[in-house]
Amino acid sequence: MSLYLIRYSNDKFVVKADSSIDAIKLWIDEKNREEKEVYQSKRKFNPNDFSIERLGTYHGIMEAPE
């Protein structure tokens, strides 16, 4: 699995998925779930409003000790 950075307007989201298409689908599904909970509607996405970039695999994440 890879990590993808999705930029939508001024917001940034990191998504873990097998492909960029899967990452976009997961992100849209999550945004629609949030929209339905709050506004009882679906969000309309314009492909020109977002971008996606592969960051690498999740194995490359380094965490500082707590």
PDB file of N, CA and C in Angstrom:
ATOM      1  N   MET A   1       0.834  -1.194   0.000  1.00  0.00           N
ATOM      2  CA  MET A   1       0.000   0.000   0.000  1.00  0.00           C
ATOM      3  C   MET A   1       0.870   1.246   0.000  1.00  0.00           C
ATOM      4  N   SER A   2       0.350   2.267  -0.614  1.00  0.00           N
ATOM      5  CA  SER A   2       1.072   3.528  -0.708  1.00  0.00           C
ATOM      6  C   SER A   2       0.299   4.630  -0.007  1.00  0.00           C
ATOM      7  N   LEU A   3       1.004   5.713   0.270  1.00  0.00           N
ATOM      8  CA  LEU A   3       0.380   6.904   0.830  1.00  0.00           C
ATOM      9  C   LEU A   3       0.226   7.930  -0.280  1.00  0.00           C
ATOM     10  N   TYR A   4      -0.928   8.591  -0.297  1.00  0.00           N
ATOM     11  CA  TYR A   4      -1.209   9.618  -1.296  1.00  0.00           C
ATOM     12  C   TYR A   4      -1.621  10.892  -0.579  1.00  0.00           C
ATOM     13  N   LEU A   5      -1.145  12.007  -1.087  1.00  0.00           N
ATOM     14  CA  LEU A   5      -1.528  13.309  -0.573  1.00  0.00           C
ATOM     15  C   LEU A   5      -2.564  13.888  -1.528  1.00  0.00           C
ATOM     16  N   ILE A   6      -3.770  14.138  -1.007  1.00  0.00           N
ATOM     17  CA  ILE A   6      -4.826  14.747  -1.799  1.00  0.00           C
ATOM     18  C   ILE A   6      -4.992  16.176  -1.318  1.00  0.00           C
ATOM     19  N   ARG A   7      -4.898  17.100  -2.262  1.00  0.00           N
ATOM     20  CA  ARG A   7      -5.098  18.520  -1.963  1.00  0.00           C
ATOM     21  C   ARG A   7      -6.439  18.923  -2.558  1.00  0.00           C
ATOM     22  N   TYR A   8      -7.268  19.513  -1.726  1.00  0.00           N
ATOM     23  CA  TYR A   8      -8.585  19.984  -2.167  1.00  0.00           C
ATOM     24  C   TYR A   8      -8.766  21.385  -1.614  1.00  0.00           C
ATOM     25  N   SER A   9      -8.752  22.370  -2.486  1.00  0.00           N
ATOM     26  CA  SER A   9      -8.758  23.784  -2.076  1.00  0.00           C
ATOM     27  C   SER A   9      -7.555  24.001  -1.167  1.00  0.00           C
ATOM     28  N   ASN A  10      -7.783  24.437   0.080  1.00  0.00           N
ATOM     29  CA  ASN A  10      -6.674  24.655   1.023  1.00  0.00           C
ATOM     30  C   ASN A  10      -6.470  23.481   1.970  1.00  0.00           C
ATOM     31  N   ASP A  11      -7.262  22.430   1.806  1.00  0.00           N
ATOM     32  CA  ASP A  11      -7.187  21.266   2.688  1.00  0.00           C
ATOM     33  C   ASP A  11      -6.248  20.216   2.109  1.00  0.00           C
ATOM     34  N   LYS A  12      -5.614  19.451   3.005  1.00  0.00           N
ATOM     35  CA  LYS A  12      -4.722  18.364   2.602  1.00  0.00           C
ATOM     36  C   LYS A  12      -5.126  17.099   3.364  1.00  0.00           C
ATOM     37  N   PHE A  13      -5.127  15.975   2.672  1.00  0.00           N
ATOM     38  CA  PHE A  13      -5.501  14.702   3.263  1.00  0.00           C
ATOM     39  C   PHE A  13      -4.478  13.654   2.852  1.00  0.00           C
ATOM     40  N   VAL A  14      -4.062  12.815   3.781  1.00  0.00           N
ATOM     41  CA  VAL A  14      -3.176  11.693   3.468  1.00  0.00           C
ATOM     42  C   VAL A  14      -4.035  10.436   3.503  1.00  0.00           C
ATOM     43  N   VAL A  15      -3.970   9.675   2.416  1.00  0.00           N
ATOM     44  CA  VAL A  15      -4.798   8.475   2.273  1.00  0.00           C
ATOM     45  C   VAL A  15      -3.886   7.288   1.992  1.00  0.00           C
ATOM     46  N   LYS A  16      -4.135   6.164   2.679  1.00  0.00           N
ATOM     47  CA  LYS A  16      -3.386   4.931   2.441  1.00  0.00           C
ATOM     48  C   LYS A  16      -4.246   4.026   1.563  1.00  0.00           C
ATOM     49  N   ALA A  17      -3.732   3.674   0.375  1.00  0.00           N
ATOM     50  CA  ALA A  17      -4.498   2.855  -0.563  1.00  0.00           C
ATOM     51  C   ALA A  17      -3.555   2.126  -1.510  1.00  0.00           C
ATOM     52  N   ASP A  18      -4.117   1.172  -2.266  1.00  0.00           N
ATOM     53  CA  ASP A  18      -3.319   0.398  -3.221  1.00  0.00           C
ATOM     54  C   ASP A  18      -2.986   1.183  -4.481  1.00  0.00           C
ATOM     55  N   SER A  19      -3.859   2.117  -4.862  1.00  0.00           N
ATOM     56  CA  SER A  19      -3.628   2.890  -6.082  1.00  0.00           C
ATOM     57  C   SER A  19      -4.202   4.293  -5.911  1.00  0.00           C
ATOM     58  N   SER A  20      -3.858   5.181  -6.828  1.00  0.00           N
ATOM     59  CA  SER A  20      -4.377   6.543  -6.749  1.00  0.00           C
ATOM     60  C   SER A  20      -5.891   6.559  -6.940  1.00  0.00           C
ATOM     61  N   ILE A  21      -6.402   5.686  -7.794  1.00  0.00           N
ATOM     62  CA  ILE A  21      -7.861   5.602  -8.010  1.00  0.00           C
ATOM     63  C   ILE A  21      -8.549   5.161  -6.722  1.00  0.00           C
ATOM     64  N   ASP A  22      -7.980   4.153  -6.042  1.00  0.00           N
ATOM     65  CA  ASP A  22      -8.551   3.702  -4.767  1.00  0.00           C
ATOM     66  C   ASP A  22      -8.502   4.807  -3.723  1.00  0.00           C
ATOM     67  N   ALA A  23      -7.417   5.577  -3.713  1.00  0.00           N
ATOM     68  CA  ALA A  23      -7.277   6.684  -2.758  1.00  0.00           C
ATOM     69  C   ALA A  23      -8.343   7.738  -3.001  1.00  0.00           C
ATOM     70  N   ILE A  24      -8.576   8.081  -4.257  1.00  0.00           N
ATOM     71  CA  ILE A  24      -9.593   9.082  -4.584  1.00  0.00           C
ATOM     72  C   ILE A  24     -10.975   8.579  -4.204  1.00  0.00           C
ATOM     73  N   LYS A  25     -11.281   7.317  -4.527  1.00  0.00           N
ATOM     74  CA  LYS A  25     -12.593   6.746  -4.171  1.00  0.00           C
ATOM     75  C   LYS A  25     -12.800   6.761  -2.659  1.00  0.00           C
ATOM     76  N   LEU A  26     -11.780   6.352  -1.911  1.00  0.00           N
ATOM     77  CA  LEU A  26     -11.865   6.329  -0.448  1.00  0.00           C
ATOM     78  C   LEU A  26     -12.090   7.734   0.102  1.00  0.00           C
ATOM     79  N   TRP A  27     -11.348   8.692  -0.420  1.00  0.00           N
ATOM     80  CA  TRP A  27     -11.471  10.083   0.023  1.00  0.00           C
ATOM     81  C   TRP A  27     -12.862  10.640  -0.279  1.00  0.00           C
ATOM     82  N   ILE A  28     -13.360  10.409  -1.499  1.00  0.00           N
ATOM     83  CA  ILE A  28     -14.697  10.900  -1.864  1.00  0.00           C
ATOM     84  C   ILE A  28     -15.761  10.229  -1.006  1.00  0.00           C
ATOM     85  N   ASP A  29     -15.647   8.924  -0.782  1.00  0.00           N
ATOM     86  CA  ASP A  29     -16.615   8.224   0.068  1.00  0.00           C
ATOM     87  C   ASP A  29     -16.633   8.803   1.475  1.00  0.00           C
ATOM     88  N   GLU A  30     -15.456   9.089   2.023  1.00  0.00           N
ATOM     89  CA  GLU A  30     -15.367   9.650   3.377  1.00  0.00           C
ATOM     90  C   GLU A  30     -15.957  11.060   3.419  1.00  0.00           C
ATOM     91  N   LYS A  31     -15.643  11.888   2.424  1.00  0.00           N
ATOM     92  CA  LYS A  31     -16.188  13.249   2.382  1.00  0.00           C
ATOM     93  C   LYS A  31     -17.711  13.216   2.231  1.00  0.00           C
ATOM     94  N   ASN A  32     -18.237  12.284   1.424  1.00  0.00           N
ATOM     95  CA  ASN A  32     -19.687  12.149   1.274  1.00  0.00           C
ATOM     96  C   ASN A  32     -20.332  11.674   2.566  1.00  0.00           C
ATOM     97  N   ARG A  33     -19.649  10.768   3.300  1.00  0.00           N
ATOM     98  CA  ARG A  33     -20.183  10.303   4.585  1.00  0.00           C
ATOM     99  C   ARG A  33     -20.280  11.469   5.561  1.00  0.00           C
ATOM    100  N   GLU A  34     -19.223  12.273   5.634  1.00  0.00           N
ATOM    101  CA  GLU A  34     -19.225  13.446   6.518  1.00  0.00           C
ATOM    102  C   GLU A  34     -20.322  14.433   6.114  1.00  0.00           C
ATOM    103  N   GLU A  35     -20.458  14.669   4.824  1.00  0.00           N
ATOM    104  CA  GLU A  35     -21.454  15.612   4.311  1.00  0.00           C
ATOM    105  C   GLU A  35     -22.870  15.126   4.642  1.00  0.00           C
ATOM    106  N   LYS A  36     -23.089  13.814   4.508  1.00  0.00           N
ATOM    107  CA  LYS A  36     -24.414  13.247   4.793  1.00  0.00           C
ATOM    108  C   LYS A  36     -24.752  13.372   6.274  1.00  0.00           C
ATOM    109  N   GLU A  37     -23.765  13.145   7.146  1.00  0.00           N
ATOM    110  CA  GLU A  37     -23.989  13.263   8.588  1.00  0.00           C
ATOM    111  C   GLU A  37     -24.390  14.677   8.987  1.00  0.00           C
ATOM    112  N   VAL A  38     -23.737  15.668   8.406  1.00  0.00           N
ATOM    113  CA  VAL A  38     -23.954  17.056   8.809  1.00  0.00           C
ATOM    114  C   VAL A  38     -25.095  17.710   8.034  1.00  0.00           C
ATOM    115  N   TYR A  39     -25.106  17.533   6.711  1.00  0.00           N
ATOM    116  CA  TYR A  39     -26.045  18.287   5.877  1.00  0.00           C
ATOM    117  C   TYR A  39     -27.093  17.422   5.184  1.00  0.00           C
ATOM    118  N   GLN A  40     -27.063  16.098   5.378  1.00  0.00           N
ATOM    119  CA  GLN A  40     -27.985  15.172   4.728  1.00  0.00           C
ATOM    120  C   GLN A  40     -27.964  15.338   3.199  1.00  0.00           C
ATOM    121  N   SER A  41     -26.794  15.521   2.638  1.00  0.00           N
ATOM    122  CA  SER A  41     -26.659  15.647   1.183  1.00  0.00           C
ATOM    123  C   SER A  41     -25.331  15.047   0.739  1.00  0.00           C
ATOM    124  N   LYS A  42     -25.120  14.981  -0.572  1.00  0.00           N
ATOM    125  CA  LYS A  42     -23.856  14.513  -1.133  1.00  0.00           C
ATOM    126  C   LYS A  42     -23.087  15.707  -1.648  1.00  0.00           C
ATOM    127  N   ARG A  43     -21.786  15.651  -1.531  1.00  0.00           N
ATOM    128  CA  ARG A  43     -20.920  16.710  -2.040  1.00  0.00           C
ATOM    129  C   ARG A  43     -20.690  16.485  -3.534  1.00  0.00           C
ATOM    130  N   LYS A  44     -20.614  17.567  -4.285  1.00  0.00           N
ATOM    131  CA  LYS A  44     -20.291  17.483  -5.704  1.00  0.00           C
ATOM    132  C   LYS A  44     -18.820  17.852  -5.863  1.00  0.00           C
ATOM    133  N   PHE A  45     -18.060  16.930  -6.454  1.00  0.00           N
ATOM    134  CA  PHE A  45     -16.627  17.139  -6.611  1.00  0.00           C
ATOM    135  C   PHE A  45     -16.306  17.542  -8.038  1.00  0.00           C
ATOM    136  N   ASN A  46     -15.476  18.538  -8.165  1.00  0.00           N
ATOM    137  CA  ASN A  46     -14.985  18.982  -9.456  1.00  0.00           C
ATOM    138  C   ASN A  46     -13.537  18.520  -9.565  1.00  0.00           C
ATOM    139  N   PRO A  47     -13.221  17.677 -10.537  1.00  0.00           N
ATOM    140  CA  PRO A  47     -11.844  17.168 -10.650  1.00  0.00           C
ATOM    141  C   PRO A  47     -10.780  18.263 -10.735  1.00  0.00           C
ATOM    142  N   ASN A  48     -11.142  19.428 -11.221  1.00  0.00           N
ATOM    143  CA  ASN A  48     -10.162  20.515 -11.319  1.00  0.00           C
ATOM    144  C   ASN A  48      -9.834  21.129  -9.962  1.00  0.00           C
ATOM    145  N   ASP A  49     -10.629  20.824  -8.934  1.00  0.00           N
ATOM    146  CA  ASP A  49     -10.431  21.415  -7.609  1.00  0.00           C
ATOM    147  C   ASP A  49      -9.473  20.619  -6.731  1.00  0.00           C
ATOM    148  N   PHE A  50      -9.055  19.430  -7.158  1.00  0.00           N
ATOM    149  CA  PHE A  50      -8.141  18.669  -6.301  1.00  0.00           C
ATOM    150  C   PHE A  50      -7.002  18.063  -7.105  1.00  0.00           C
ATOM    151  N   SER A  51      -5.941  17.705  -6.363  1.00  0.00           N
ATOM    152  CA  SER A  51      -4.802  17.033  -6.977  1.00  0.00           C
ATOM    153  C   SER A  51      -4.389  15.889  -6.074  1.00  0.00           C
ATOM    154  N   ILE A  52      -3.662  14.938  -6.640  1.00  0.00           N
ATOM    155  CA  ILE A  52      -3.203  13.788  -5.859  1.00  0.00           C
ATOM    156  C   ILE A  52      -1.732  13.548  -6.181  1.00  0.00           C
ATOM    157  N   GLU A  53      -0.982  13.173  -5.148  1.00  0.00           N
ATOM    158  CA  GLU A  53       0.455  12.930  -5.298  1.00  0.00           C
ATOM    159  C   GLU A  53       0.819  11.706  -4.469  1.00  0.00           C
ATOM    160  N   ARG A  54       1.564  10.782  -5.060  1.00  0.00           N
ATOM    161  CA  ARG A  54       2.022   9.602  -4.315  1.00  0.00           C
ATOM    162  C   ARG A  54       3.202  10.002  -3.451  1.00  0.00           C
ATOM    163  N   LEU A  55       3.112   9.724  -2.152  1.00  0.00           N
ATOM    164  CA  LEU A  55       4.181  10.079  -1.219  1.00  0.00           C
ATOM    165  C   LEU A  55       5.177   8.944  -1.030  1.00  0.00           C
ATOM    166  N   GLY A  56       4.749   7.728  -1.235  1.00  0.00           N
ATOM    167  CA  GLY A  56       5.590   6.559  -0.996  1.00  0.00           C
ATOM    168  C   GLY A  56       4.798   5.529  -0.212  1.00  0.00           C
ATOM    169  N   THR A  57       5.505   4.545   0.327  1.00  0.00           N
ATOM    170  CA  THR A  57       4.801   3.515   1.088  1.00  0.00           C
ATOM    171  C   THR A  57       4.688   3.929   2.548  1.00  0.00           C
ATOM    172  N   TYR A  58       3.709   3.349   3.223  1.00  0.00           N
ATOM    173  CA  TYR A  58       3.518   3.672   4.628  1.00  0.00           C
ATOM    174  C   TYR A  58       4.658   3.133   5.486  1.00  0.00           C
ATOM    175  N   HIS A  59       5.464   2.210   4.940  1.00  0.00           N
ATOM    176  CA  HIS A  59       6.615   1.684   5.681  1.00  0.00           C
ATOM    177  C   HIS A  59       7.689   2.760   5.883  1.00  0.00           C
ATOM    178  N   GLY A  60       7.633   3.803   5.064  1.00  0.00           N
ATOM    179  CA  GLY A  60       8.619   4.879   5.164  1.00  0.00           C
ATOM    180  C   GLY A  60       8.288   5.920   6.209  1.00  0.00           C
ATOM    181  N   ILE A  61       7.198   5.734   6.957  1.00  0.00           N
ATOM    182  CA  ILE A  61       6.815   6.701   7.989  1.00  0.00           C
ATOM    183  C   ILE A  61       7.696   6.520   9.212  1.00  0.00           C
ATOM    184  N   MET A  62       8.246   7.604   9.702  1.00  0.00           N
ATOM    185  CA  MET A  62       9.042   7.588  10.926  1.00  0.00           C
ATOM    186  C   MET A  62       8.228   8.253  12.032  1.00  0.00           C
ATOM    187  N   GLU A  63       8.223   7.639  13.189  1.00  0.00           N
ATOM    188  CA  GLU A  63       7.469   8.188  14.313  1.00  0.00           C
ATOM    189  C   GLU A  63       8.405   8.475  15.472  1.00  0.00           C
ATOM    190  N   ALA A  64       8.226   9.626  16.069  1.00  0.00           N
ATOM    191  CA  ALA A  64       8.998   9.967  17.262  1.00  0.00           C
ATOM    192  C   ALA A  64       8.382   9.264  18.467  1.00  0.00           C
ATOM    193  N   PRO A  65       9.190   8.880  19.434  1.00  0.00           N
ATOM    194  CA  PRO A  65       8.627   8.240  20.628  1.00  0.00           C
ATOM    195  C   PRO A  65       7.751   9.232  21.392  1.00  0.00           C
ATOM    196  N   GLU A  66       6.706   8.704  21.997  1.00  0.00           N
ATOM    197  CA  GLU A  66       5.785   9.567  22.757  1.00  0.00           C
ATOM    198  C   GLU A  66       6.318   9.897  24.127  1.00  0.00           C
TER     199      GLU A  66
END
